[in-house]
């Protein structure tokens, strides 16, 4: 296994993949498709090893990290790797693959694509729910039947986010930047435990592998587990408050923040995962007095 380095809230693997966890707006859970919401900065990521005495013993394996998340916000993953030496990442949510909906397996096997290739996949906002659409990554408390895991397994046993990184097989791509160029994988500039639920629909493709399964090593070069804490638990563990989070849509409008549109219509998409057909959004509306100022969403944030 290659090392995972935590630098400025980025996780960087020896394979060259850099992952950051971006905060964003929860889109309405109204079964309509929405454009990509903007980033509102990175979530702070901390190593479990630095706070092991305050965290569960089962979190103390190698490459375990944690971050704070409010239930009022959503998360997307920013991915970065050199264009001259792409790599593969699999994403698990509570022990289920975010692309295929199948139980988590940290390996590559023949069959339908259950992984992302970076590049061209530079970000992912949710689970592969429909053709050209994903259901947004949102936080929900464990044990309340709102997580993807509890809806597919019947109980929360794993929680968090799992990542497995795979390198190309020898000889498939250069080992050094061509023509002496720079390495493009430099960091891009841009109780209390929670699980991941399925939120509103966002227009986004999970791109088909342009290189083929035979390009990649079958076993991962690195595996990562990212645990999610609510703001109160994060404060208890670290002794510091998590960054404040914007809540209302109007806050974004007032700041002039954009919604993003994708321009990769020429790339094929991975077929949607049938397992997510029955996964419901965790929301059932919002406070009527607030309907004019923020998207419909379900569980009110106990941290506020």
C-alpha atoms as a PDB file:
ATOM      1  CA  UNK A   1       0.000   0.000   0.000  1.00  0.00           C
ATOM      2  CA  UNK A   2       1.264   3.457  -0.871  1.00  0.00           C
ATOM      3  CA  UNK A   3       1.250   6.280   1.632  1.00  0.00           C
ATOM      4  CA  UNK A   4      -1.609   8.734   1.974  1.00  0.00           C
ATOM      5  CA  UNK A   5      -0.456  12.241   2.826  1.00  0.00           C
ATOM      6  CA  UNK A   6      -2.763  14.831   4.400  1.00  0.00           C
ATOM      7  CA  UNK A   7      -1.806  18.349   3.293  1.00  0.00           C
ATOM      8  CA  UNK A   8      -4.067  21.396   3.674  1.00  0.00           C
ATOM      9  CA  UNK A   9      -7.188  19.200   3.898  1.00  0.00           C
ATOM     10  CA  UNK A  10      -6.226  17.260   0.755  1.00  0.00           C
ATOM     11  CA  UNK A  11      -5.567  13.523   0.707  1.00  0.00           C
ATOM     12  CA  UNK A  12      -2.774  12.713  -1.733  1.00  0.00           C
ATOM     13  CA  UNK A  13      -1.896   9.144  -2.641  1.00  0.00           C
ATOM     14  CA  UNK A  14       1.402   7.828  -3.940  1.00  0.00           C
ATOM     15  CA  UNK A  15      -0.446   6.986  -7.170  1.00  0.00           C
ATOM     16  CA  UNK A  16      -0.783  10.713  -7.839  1.00  0.00           C
ATOM     17  CA  UNK A  17      -4.484  11.081  -7.025  1.00  0.00           C
ATOM     18  CA  UNK A  18      -5.454  14.072  -4.880  1.00  0.00           C
ATOM     19  CA  UNK A  19      -8.884  14.116  -3.207  1.00  0.00           C
ATOM     20  CA  UNK A  20     -10.560  16.951  -1.339  1.00  0.00           C
ATOM     21  CA  UNK A  21     -14.017  17.125   0.201  1.00  0.00           C
ATOM     22  CA  UNK A  22     -15.939  20.210  -0.855  1.00  0.00           C
ATOM     23  CA  UNK A  23     -18.834  21.846   0.955  1.00  0.00           C
ATOM     24  CA  UNK A  24     -21.879  22.866  -1.031  1.00  0.00           C
ATOM     25  CA  UNK A  25     -25.591  23.624  -1.010  1.00  0.00           C
ATOM     26  CA  UNK A  26     -28.154  20.861  -0.618  1.00  0.00           C
ATOM     27  CA  UNK A  27     -30.324  20.924  -3.712  1.00  0.00           C
ATOM     28  CA  UNK A  28     -34.073  20.393  -3.271  1.00  0.00           C
ATOM     29  CA  UNK A  29     -35.260  16.809  -2.872  1.00  0.00           C
ATOM     30  CA  UNK A  30     -38.133  17.315  -5.309  1.00  0.00           C
ATOM     31  CA  UNK A  31     -37.257  14.590  -7.865  1.00  0.00           C
ATOM     32  CA  UNK A  32     -36.315  17.279 -10.374  1.00  0.00           C
ATOM     33  CA  UNK A  33     -32.847  17.451 -11.862  1.00  0.00           C
ATOM     34  CA  UNK A  34     -30.698  20.396 -10.768  1.00  0.00           C
ATOM     35  CA  UNK A  35     -27.438  21.904 -12.072  1.00  0.00           C
ATOM     36  CA  UNK A  36     -24.214  21.487 -10.134  1.00  0.00           C
ATOM     37  CA  UNK A  37     -24.121  23.706  -7.026  1.00  0.00           C
ATOM     38  CA  UNK A  38     -21.010  25.792  -6.278  1.00  0.00           C
ATOM     39  CA  UNK A  39     -18.182  24.925  -3.958  1.00  0.00           C
ATOM     40  CA  UNK A  40     -18.091  26.793  -0.662  1.00  0.00           C
ATOM     41  CA  UNK A  41     -14.598  25.710   0.282  1.00  0.00           C
ATOM     42  CA  UNK A  42     -13.080  22.521   1.613  1.00  0.00           C
ATOM     43  CA  UNK A  43     -14.123  20.554   4.654  1.00  0.00           C
ATOM     44  CA  UNK A  44     -11.355  20.420   7.258  1.00  0.00           C
ATOM     45  CA  UNK A  45      -9.897  16.892   7.321  1.00  0.00           C
ATOM     46  CA  UNK A  46      -8.062  15.506  10.339  1.00  0.00           C
ATOM     47  CA  UNK A  47      -6.116  12.288  10.883  1.00  0.00           C
ATOM     48  CA  UNK A  48      -7.646   9.857  13.373  1.00  0.00           C
ATOM     49  CA  UNK A  49      -4.138   9.070  14.647  1.00  0.00           C
ATOM     50  CA  UNK A  50      -3.813  12.620  16.006  1.00  0.00           C
ATOM     51  CA  UNK A  51      -6.935  12.240  18.173  1.00  0.00           C
ATOM     52  CA  UNK A  52      -7.014   8.465  18.689  1.00  0.00           C
ATOM     53  CA  UNK A  53      -7.554   8.693  22.463  1.00  0.00           C
ATOM     54  CA  UNK A  54     -10.872  10.490  21.871  1.00  0.00           C
ATOM     55  CA  UNK A  55     -12.180   8.289  19.053  1.00  0.00           C
ATOM     56  CA  UNK A  56     -13.451   4.698  18.799  1.00  0.00           C
ATOM     57  CA  UNK A  57     -10.743   2.050  18.766  1.00  0.00           C
ATOM     58  CA  UNK A  58     -12.065   0.592  15.493  1.00  0.00           C
ATOM     59  CA  UNK A  59     -11.141   3.861  13.763  1.00  0.00           C
ATOM     60  CA  UNK A  60      -7.438   3.439  14.514  1.00  0.00           C
ATOM     61  CA  UNK A  61      -6.362   1.590  11.385  1.00  0.00           C
ATOM     62  CA  UNK A  62      -3.994   3.108   8.829  1.00  0.00           C
ATOM     63  CA  UNK A  63      -5.332   5.863   6.598  1.00  0.00           C
ATOM     64  CA  UNK A  64      -8.360   6.730   8.741  1.00  0.00           C
ATOM     65  CA  UNK A  65      -9.452  10.372   8.732  1.00  0.00           C
ATOM     66  CA  UNK A  66     -12.483  12.383   9.813  1.00  0.00           C
ATOM     67  CA  UNK A  67     -14.261  15.620   8.970  1.00  0.00           C
ATOM     68  CA  UNK A  68     -17.182  17.626  10.411  1.00  0.00           C
ATOM     69  CA  UNK A  69     -20.401  18.022   8.474  1.00  0.00           C
ATOM     70  CA  UNK A  70     -23.642  19.839   9.191  1.00  0.00           C
ATOM     71  CA  UNK A  71     -26.851  18.158   8.089  1.00  0.00           C
ATOM     72  CA  UNK A  72     -27.837  21.394   6.410  1.00  0.00           C
ATOM     73  CA  UNK A  73     -25.001  21.102   3.847  1.00  0.00           C
ATOM     74  CA  UNK A  74     -23.889  18.636   1.192  1.00  0.00           C
ATOM     75  CA  UNK A  75     -20.557  17.241   0.058  1.00  0.00           C
ATOM     76  CA  UNK A  76     -18.832  16.586  -3.235  1.00  0.00           C
ATOM     77  CA  UNK A  77     -15.456  15.033  -3.971  1.00  0.00           C
ATOM     78  CA  UNK A  78     -12.889  16.925  -6.039  1.00  0.00           C
ATOM     79  CA  UNK A  79     -10.446  14.594  -7.847  1.00  0.00           C
ATOM     80  CA  UNK A  80      -7.139  15.487  -9.427  1.00  0.00           C
ATOM     81  CA  UNK A  81      -4.444  13.391 -11.134  1.00  0.00           C
ATOM     82  CA  UNK A  82      -1.890  13.977 -13.912  1.00  0.00           C
ATOM     83  CA  UNK A  83      -3.382  13.872 -17.400  1.00  0.00           C
ATOM     84  CA  UNK A  84      -0.331  11.888 -18.567  1.00  0.00           C
ATOM     85  CA  UNK A  85      -0.815   9.199 -15.865  1.00  0.00           C
ATOM     86  CA  UNK A  86      -4.474   8.849 -14.861  1.00  0.00           C
ATOM     87  CA  UNK A  87      -5.636   6.542 -12.103  1.00  0.00           C
ATOM     88  CA  UNK A  88      -8.789   4.925 -10.800  1.00  0.00           C
ATOM     89  CA  UNK A  89     -10.730   5.490  -7.579  1.00  0.00           C
ATOM     90  CA  UNK A  90     -13.601   3.515  -6.116  1.00  0.00           C
ATOM     91  CA  UNK A  91     -15.946   5.251  -3.661  1.00  0.00           C
ATOM     92  CA  UNK A  92     -17.866   3.419  -0.963  1.00  0.00           C
ATOM     93  CA  UNK A  93     -20.641   4.817   1.217  1.00  0.00           C
ATOM     94  CA  UNK A  94     -21.254   2.803   4.343  1.00  0.00           C
ATOM     95  CA  UNK A  95     -19.966  -0.291   2.570  1.00  0.00           C
ATOM     96  CA  UNK A  96     -21.808   0.167  -0.750  1.00  0.00           C
ATOM     97  CA  UNK A  97     -20.255   1.213  -4.033  1.00  0.00           C
ATOM     98  CA  UNK A  98     -21.370   4.716  -5.103  1.00  0.00           C
ATOM     99  CA  UNK A  99     -21.255   3.785  -8.817  1.00  0.00           C
ATOM    100  CA  UNK A 100     -22.723   0.267  -8.895  1.00  0.00           C
ATOM    101  CA  UNK A 101     -24.783   0.193  -5.686  1.00  0.00           C
ATOM    102  CA  UNK A 102     -23.281  -3.221  -4.907  1.00  0.00           C
ATOM    103  CA  UNK A 103     -21.584  -4.197  -1.619  1.00  0.00           C
ATOM    104  CA  UNK A 104     -18.151  -2.632  -1.292  1.00  0.00           C
ATOM    105  CA  UNK A 105     -15.210  -4.539  -2.764  1.00  0.00           C
ATOM    106  CA  UNK A 106     -11.822  -2.747  -2.726  1.00  0.00           C
ATOM    107  CA  UNK A 107     -10.671  -4.403  -5.960  1.00  0.00           C
ATOM    108  CA  UNK A 108     -11.341  -4.205  -9.688  1.00  0.00           C
ATOM    109  CA  UNK A 109     -13.172  -7.097 -11.311  1.00  0.00           C
ATOM    110  CA  UNK A 110     -14.685  -7.817 -14.718  1.00  0.00           C
ATOM    111  CA  UNK A 111     -18.272  -6.723 -15.210  1.00  0.00           C
ATOM    112  CA  UNK A 112     -20.069  -3.399 -15.172  1.00  0.00           C
ATOM    113  CA  UNK A 113     -17.862  -0.419 -14.344  1.00  0.00           C
ATOM    114  CA  UNK A 114     -17.981   0.369 -10.629  1.00  0.00           C
ATOM    115  CA  UNK A 115     -15.172   2.937 -10.456  1.00  0.00           C
ATOM    116  CA  UNK A 116     -14.130   6.410 -11.638  1.00  0.00           C
ATOM    117  CA  UNK A 117     -11.213   7.287 -13.902  1.00  0.00           C
ATOM    118  CA  UNK A 118      -9.407  10.555 -13.125  1.00  0.00           C
ATOM    119  CA  UNK A 119      -9.132  12.284 -15.495  1.00  0.00           C
ATOM    120  CA  UNK A 120     -11.697  12.685 -17.084  1.00  0.00           C
ATOM    121  CA  UNK A 121     -13.732  12.468 -13.834  1.00  0.00           C
ATOM    122  CA  UNK A 122     -12.651  15.519 -11.849  1.00  0.00           C
ATOM    123  CA  UNK A 123     -15.512  15.585  -9.373  1.00  0.00           C
ATOM    124  CA  UNK A 124     -18.446  13.524  -8.200  1.00  0.00           C
ATOM    125  CA  UNK A 125     -21.437  14.893  -6.293  1.00  0.00           C
ATOM    126  CA  UNK A 126     -23.500  11.815  -5.529  1.00  0.00           C
ATOM    127  CA  UNK A 127     -24.479   8.224  -6.182  1.00  0.00           C
ATOM    128  CA  UNK A 128     -25.074   6.960  -9.719  1.00  0.00           C
ATOM    129  CA  UNK A 129     -28.878   7.138  -9.550  1.00  0.00           C
ATOM    130  CA  UNK A 130     -30.042   7.806 -13.119  1.00  0.00           C
ATOM    131  CA  UNK A 131     -28.564   8.139 -16.576  1.00  0.00           C
ATOM    132  CA  UNK A 132     -26.643  11.427 -16.501  1.00  0.00           C
ATOM    133  CA  UNK A 133     -27.814  12.192 -12.960  1.00  0.00           C
ATOM    134  CA  UNK A 134     -26.598  11.554  -9.410  1.00  0.00           C
ATOM    135  CA  UNK A 135     -28.284  11.766  -6.019  1.00  0.00           C
ATOM    136  CA  UNK A 136     -26.373  14.232  -3.895  1.00  0.00           C
ATOM    137  CA  UNK A 137     -24.130  13.191  -0.976  1.00  0.00           C
ATOM    138  CA  UNK A 138     -25.821  14.515   2.190  1.00  0.00           C
ATOM    139  CA  UNK A 139     -25.286  13.777   5.890  1.00  0.00           C
ATOM    140  CA  UNK A 140     -27.769  11.998   8.123  1.00  0.00           C
ATOM    141  CA  UNK A 141     -27.370  10.518  11.642  1.00  0.00           C
ATOM    142  CA  UNK A 142     -26.640   6.810  11.863  1.00  0.00           C
ATOM    143  CA  UNK A 143     -29.427   4.626  13.189  1.00  0.00           C
ATOM    144  CA  UNK A 144     -32.346   6.603  11.745  1.00  0.00           C
ATOM    145  CA  UNK A 145     -32.811   4.653   8.493  1.00  0.00           C
ATOM    146  CA  UNK A 146     -31.846   7.697   6.439  1.00  0.00           C
ATOM    147  CA  UNK A 147     -28.433   6.588   5.175  1.00  0.00           C
ATOM    148  CA  UNK A 148     -27.862   4.752   1.922  1.00  0.00           C
ATOM    149  CA  UNK A 149     -26.375   1.927   3.966  1.00  0.00           C
ATOM    150  CA  UNK A 150     -29.397   1.463   6.206  1.00  0.00           C
ATOM    151  CA  UNK A 151     -31.782   1.520   3.241  1.00  0.00           C
ATOM    152  CA  UNK A 152     -29.773  -1.112   1.343  1.00  0.00           C
ATOM    153  CA  UNK A 153     -28.606  -3.262   4.286  1.00  0.00           C
ATOM    154  CA  UNK A 154     -31.328  -2.559   6.848  1.00  0.00           C
ATOM    155  CA  UNK A 155     -28.888  -1.325   9.504  1.00  0.00           C
ATOM    156  CA  UNK A 156     -25.918   1.027   9.844  1.00  0.00           C
ATOM    157  CA  UNK A 157     -22.792  -1.050  10.437  1.00  0.00           C
ATOM    158  CA  UNK A 158     -20.005   0.670   8.485  1.00  0.00           C
ATOM    159  CA  UNK A 159     -20.806   4.373   8.018  1.00  0.00           C
ATOM    160  CA  UNK A 160     -18.463   6.954   6.523  1.00  0.00           C
ATOM    161  CA  UNK A 161     -16.809   7.101   3.113  1.00  0.00           C
ATOM    162  CA  UNK A 162     -14.414   4.490   1.763  1.00  0.00           C
ATOM    163  CA  UNK A 163     -11.894   5.157  -1.020  1.00  0.00           C
ATOM    164  CA  UNK A 164      -9.686   2.717  -2.916  1.00  0.00           C
ATOM    165  CA  UNK A 165      -7.065   4.019  -5.377  1.00  0.00           C
ATOM    166  CA  UNK A 166      -5.720   1.942  -8.278  1.00  0.00           C
ATOM    167  CA  UNK A 167      -2.657   2.628 -10.395  1.00  0.00           C
ATOM    168  CA  UNK A 168      -2.231   1.798 -14.081  1.00  0.00           C
ATOM    169  CA  UNK A 169      -0.370  -1.374 -14.991  1.00  0.00           C
ATOM    170  CA  UNK A 170       3.313  -0.934 -15.913  1.00  0.00           C
ATOM    171  CA  UNK A 171       3.883   0.441 -19.378  1.00  0.00           C
ATOM    172  CA  UNK A 172       0.365   1.801 -19.869  1.00  0.00           C
ATOM    173  CA  UNK A 173       1.352   5.425 -19.223  1.00  0.00           C
ATOM    174  CA  UNK A 174       4.617   7.355 -18.702  1.00  0.00           C
ATOM    175  CA  UNK A 175       6.264   7.240 -15.287  1.00  0.00           C
ATOM    176  CA  UNK A 176       7.470  10.829 -15.649  1.00  0.00           C
ATOM    177  CA  UNK A 177       5.834  13.945 -17.110  1.00  0.00           C
ATOM    178  CA  UNK A 178       6.375  14.044 -20.879  1.00  0.00           C
ATOM    179  CA  UNK A 179       8.851  16.624 -22.222  1.00  0.00           C
ATOM    180  CA  UNK A 180      10.003  17.419 -18.689  1.00  0.00           C
ATOM    181  CA  UNK A 181       6.695  19.094 -17.854  1.00  0.00           C
ATOM    182  CA  UNK A 182       5.440  19.738 -14.367  1.00  0.00           C
ATOM    183  CA  UNK A 183       3.563  17.123 -12.365  1.00  0.00           C
ATOM    184  CA  UNK A 184      -0.071  18.154 -12.705  1.00  0.00           C
ATOM    185  CA  UNK A 185      -1.071  16.375  -9.535  1.00  0.00           C
ATOM    186  CA  UNK A 186       0.061  19.230  -7.294  1.00  0.00           C
ATOM    187  CA  UNK A 187      -2.567  20.251  -4.782  1.00  0.00           C
ATOM    188  CA  UNK A 188      -5.366  22.043  -6.646  1.00  0.00           C
ATOM    189  CA  UNK A 189      -6.234  25.599  -5.655  1.00  0.00           C
ATOM    190  CA  UNK A 190      -9.729  25.800  -5.316  1.00  0.00           C
ATOM    191  CA  UNK A 191     -24.022   9.978  18.743  1.00  0.00           C
ATOM    192  CA  UNK A 192     -22.173  12.252  16.759  1.00  0.00           C
ATOM    193  CA  UNK A 193     -21.208  10.029  13.862  1.00  0.00           C
ATOM    194  CA  UNK A 194     -22.936  10.661  10.552  1.00  0.00           C
ATOM    195  CA  UNK A 195     -23.511   8.566   7.476  1.00  0.00           C
ATOM    196  CA  UNK A 196     -24.135   9.454   3.860  1.00  0.00           C
ATOM    197  CA  UNK A 197     -27.682   9.727   2.559  1.00  0.00           C
ATOM    198  CA  UNK A 198     -29.056  10.298  -0.913  1.00  0.00           C
ATOM    199  CA  UNK A 199     -30.262  13.850  -1.503  1.00  0.00           C
ATOM    200  CA  UNK A 200     -31.644  15.698  -4.493  1.00  0.00           C
ATOM    201  CA  UNK A 201     -30.872  14.943  -8.123  1.00  0.00           C
ATOM    202  CA  UNK A 202     -27.982  16.700  -9.882  1.00  0.00           C
ATOM    203  CA  UNK A 203     -27.157  16.595 -13.584  1.00  0.00           C
ATOM    204  CA  UNK A 204     -23.787  14.845 -13.726  1.00  0.00           C
ATOM    205  CA  UNK A 205     -22.304  11.970 -15.704  1.00  0.00           C
ATOM    206  CA  UNK A 206     -20.244   9.154 -14.261  1.00  0.00           C
ATOM    207  CA  UNK A 207     -17.877   8.829 -17.215  1.00  0.00           C
ATOM    208  CA  UNK A 208     -17.187   5.495 -18.838  1.00  0.00           C
ATOM    209  CA  UNK A 209     -13.593   4.257 -18.634  1.00  0.00           C
ATOM    210  CA  UNK A 210     -11.862   5.516 -21.823  1.00  0.00           C
ATOM    211  CA  UNK A 211      -8.921   3.108 -21.371  1.00  0.00           C
ATOM    212  CA  UNK A 212     -10.477  -0.248 -20.432  1.00  0.00           C
ATOM    213  CA  UNK A 213     -10.364  -2.446 -17.339  1.00  0.00           C
ATOM    214  CA  UNK A 214      -7.148  -4.150 -18.473  1.00  0.00           C
ATOM    215  CA  UNK A 215      -5.327  -0.818 -18.041  1.00  0.00           C
ATOM    216  CA  UNK A 216      -5.532  -0.901 -14.238  1.00  0.00           C
ATOM    217  CA  UNK A 217      -4.048  -2.991 -11.476  1.00  0.00           C
ATOM    218  CA  UNK A 218      -6.603  -5.276  -9.861  1.00  0.00           C
ATOM    219  CA  UNK A 219      -5.567  -4.488  -6.273  1.00  0.00           C
ATOM    220  CA  UNK A 220      -5.544  -0.976  -4.786  1.00  0.00           C
ATOM    221  CA  UNK A 221      -2.372   0.946  -4.067  1.00  0.00           C
ATOM    222  CA  UNK A 222      -4.111   2.766  -1.205  1.00  0.00           C
ATOM    223  CA  UNK A 223      -7.308   2.499   0.848  1.00  0.00           C
ATOM    224  CA  UNK A 224      -8.815   5.337   2.874  1.00  0.00           C
ATOM    225  CA  UNK A 225     -11.665   5.551   5.382  1.00  0.00           C
ATOM    226  CA  UNK A 226     -13.176   8.991   6.067  1.00  0.00           C
ATOM    227  CA  UNK A 227     -15.520   9.217   9.054  1.00  0.00           C
ATOM    228  CA  UNK A 228     -18.143  11.947   9.387  1.00  0.00           C
ATOM    229  CA  UNK A 229     -18.864  13.747  12.661  1.00  0.00           C
ATOM    230  CA  UNK A 230     -21.480  16.339  13.473  1.00  0.00           C
ATOM    231  CA  UNK A 231     -20.286  19.712  14.684  1.00  0.00           C
ATOM    232  CA  UNK A 232     -20.738  18.989  18.417  1.00  0.00           C
ATOM    233  CA  UNK A 233     -18.769  15.740  18.278  1.00  0.00           C
ATOM    234  CA  UNK A 234     -16.025  17.363  16.179  1.00  0.00           C
ATOM    235  CA  UNK A 235     -15.708  20.092  18.805  1.00  0.00           C
ATOM    236  CA  UNK A 236     -15.464  17.519  21.604  1.00  0.00           C
ATOM    237  CA  UNK A 237     -12.784  15.542  19.767  1.00  0.00           C
ATOM    238  CA  UNK A 238     -10.588  18.375  18.472  1.00  0.00           C
ATOM    239  CA  UNK A 239     -11.285  21.172  20.943  1.00  0.00           C
ATOM    240  CA  UNK A 240     -12.050  23.618  18.105  1.00  0.00           C
ATOM    241  CA  UNK A 241     -15.242  24.638  16.377  1.00  0.00           C
ATOM    242  CA  UNK A 242     -15.850  23.491  12.809  1.00  0.00           C
ATOM    243  CA  UNK A 243     -16.033  26.299  10.264  1.00  0.00           C
ATOM    244  CA  UNK A 244     -19.394  28.041  10.077  1.00  0.00           C
ATOM    245  CA  UNK A 245     -21.561  26.957   7.170  1.00  0.00           C
ATOM    246  CA  UNK A 246     -23.921  28.932   4.954  1.00  0.00           C
ATOM    247  CA  UNK A 247     -27.474  27.607   5.001  1.00  0.00           C
ATOM    248  CA  UNK A 248     -29.800  29.528   2.723  1.00  0.00           C
ATOM    249  CA  UNK A 249     -29.948  29.658  -1.044  1.00  0.00           C
ATOM    250  CA  UNK A 250     -30.259  33.425  -0.729  1.00  0.00           C
ATOM    251  CA  UNK A 251     -26.791  33.536   0.812  1.00  0.00           C
ATOM    252  CA  UNK A 252     -25.374  32.175  -2.438  1.00  0.00           C
ATOM    253  CA  UNK A 253     -27.443  34.518  -4.557  1.00  0.00           C
ATOM    254  CA  UNK A 254     -26.365  37.518  -2.508  1.00  0.00           C
ATOM    255  CA  UNK A 255     -22.713  36.486  -2.934  1.00  0.00           C
ATOM    256  CA  UNK A 256     -23.138  36.033  -6.674  1.00  0.00           C
ATOM    257  CA  UNK A 257     -21.928  32.437  -6.520  1.00  0.00           C
ATOM    258  CA  UNK A 258     -22.455  30.474  -9.745  1.00  0.00           C
ATOM    259  CA  UNK A 259     -24.102  27.181 -10.470  1.00  0.00           C
ATOM    260  CA  UNK A 260     -21.938  25.061 -12.699  1.00  0.00           C
ATOM    261  CA  UNK A 261     -22.803  23.475 -16.040  1.00  0.00           C
ATOM    262  CA  UNK A 262     -20.935  20.480 -17.454  1.00  0.00           C
ATOM    263  CA  UNK A 263     -19.588  20.586 -20.997  1.00  0.00           C
ATOM    264  CA  UNK A 264     -18.556  16.960 -21.579  1.00  0.00           C
ATOM    265  CA  UNK A 265     -21.553  15.854 -23.622  1.00  0.00           C
ATOM    266  CA  UNK A 266     -19.212  13.968 -25.958  1.00  0.00           C
ATOM    267  CA  UNK A 267     -18.171  11.480 -23.244  1.00  0.00           C
ATOM    268  CA  UNK A 268     -20.162   8.318 -22.548  1.00  0.00           C
ATOM    269  CA  UNK A 269     -21.708   7.770 -19.138  1.00  0.00           C
ATOM    270  CA  UNK A 270     -21.791   4.669 -16.949  1.00  0.00           C
ATOM    271  CA  UNK A 271     -25.311   3.164 -16.769  1.00  0.00           C
ATOM    272  CA  UNK A 272     -27.149   3.987 -13.529  1.00  0.00           C
ATOM    273  CA  UNK A 273     -27.097   1.541 -10.617  1.00  0.00           C
ATOM    274  CA  UNK A 274     -30.415  -0.278 -10.203  1.00  0.00           C
ATOM    275  CA  UNK A 275     -29.724  -0.668  -6.462  1.00  0.00           C
ATOM    276  CA  UNK A 276     -30.294   3.062  -6.023  1.00  0.00           C
ATOM    277  CA  UNK A 277     -33.787   2.915  -7.574  1.00  0.00           C
ATOM    278  CA  UNK A 278     -35.265   2.241  -4.137  1.00  0.00           C
ATOM    279  CA  UNK A 279     -33.012   4.592  -2.189  1.00  0.00           C
ATOM    280  CA  UNK A 280     -35.094   7.523  -1.042  1.00  0.00           C
ATOM    281  CA  UNK A 281     -34.018  11.023  -0.229  1.00  0.00           C
ATOM    282  CA  UNK A 282     -33.873  11.615   3.512  1.00  0.00           C
ATOM    283  CA  UNK A 283     -36.081  14.718   3.434  1.00  0.00           C
ATOM    284  CA  UNK A 284     -39.799  15.260   3.676  1.00  0.00           C
ATOM    285  CA  UNK A 285     -40.109  19.005   3.272  1.00  0.00           C
ATOM    286  CA  UNK A 286     -39.030  22.011   5.324  1.00  0.00           C
ATOM    287  CA  UNK A 287     -40.376  24.662   7.625  1.00  0.00           C
ATOM    288  CA  UNK A 288     -43.145  26.455   5.654  1.00  0.00           C
ATOM    289  CA  UNK A 289     -41.854  29.807   6.870  1.00  0.00           C
ATOM    290  CA  UNK A 290     -38.514  29.116   5.188  1.00  0.00           C
ATOM    291  CA  UNK A 291     -39.684  27.718   1.847  1.00  0.00           C
ATOM    292  CA  UNK A 292     -38.987  30.951   0.031  1.00  0.00           C
ATOM    293  CA  UNK A 293     -35.366  31.170   1.136  1.00  0.00           C
ATOM    294  CA  UNK A 294     -33.799  27.717   1.025  1.00  0.00           C
ATOM    295  CA  UNK A 295     -34.313  24.407  -0.731  1.00  0.00           C
ATOM    296  CA  UNK A 296     -36.677  21.791   0.582  1.00  0.00           C
ATOM    297  CA  UNK A 297     -34.794  19.419   2.815  1.00  0.00           C
ATOM    298  CA  UNK A 298     -35.638  17.026   5.548  1.00  0.00           C
ATOM    299  CA  UNK A 299     -33.922  16.552   8.862  1.00  0.00           C
ATOM    300  CA  UNK A 300     -33.404  19.769  10.769  1.00  0.00           C
ATOM    301  CA  UNK A 301     -29.858  20.221  12.033  1.00  0.00           C
ATOM    302  CA  UNK A 302     -29.543  19.418  15.757  1.00  0.00           C
ATOM    303  CA  UNK A 303     -26.184  21.186  15.784  1.00  0.00           C
ATOM    304  CA  UNK A 304     -27.621  24.632  15.144  1.00  0.00           C
END
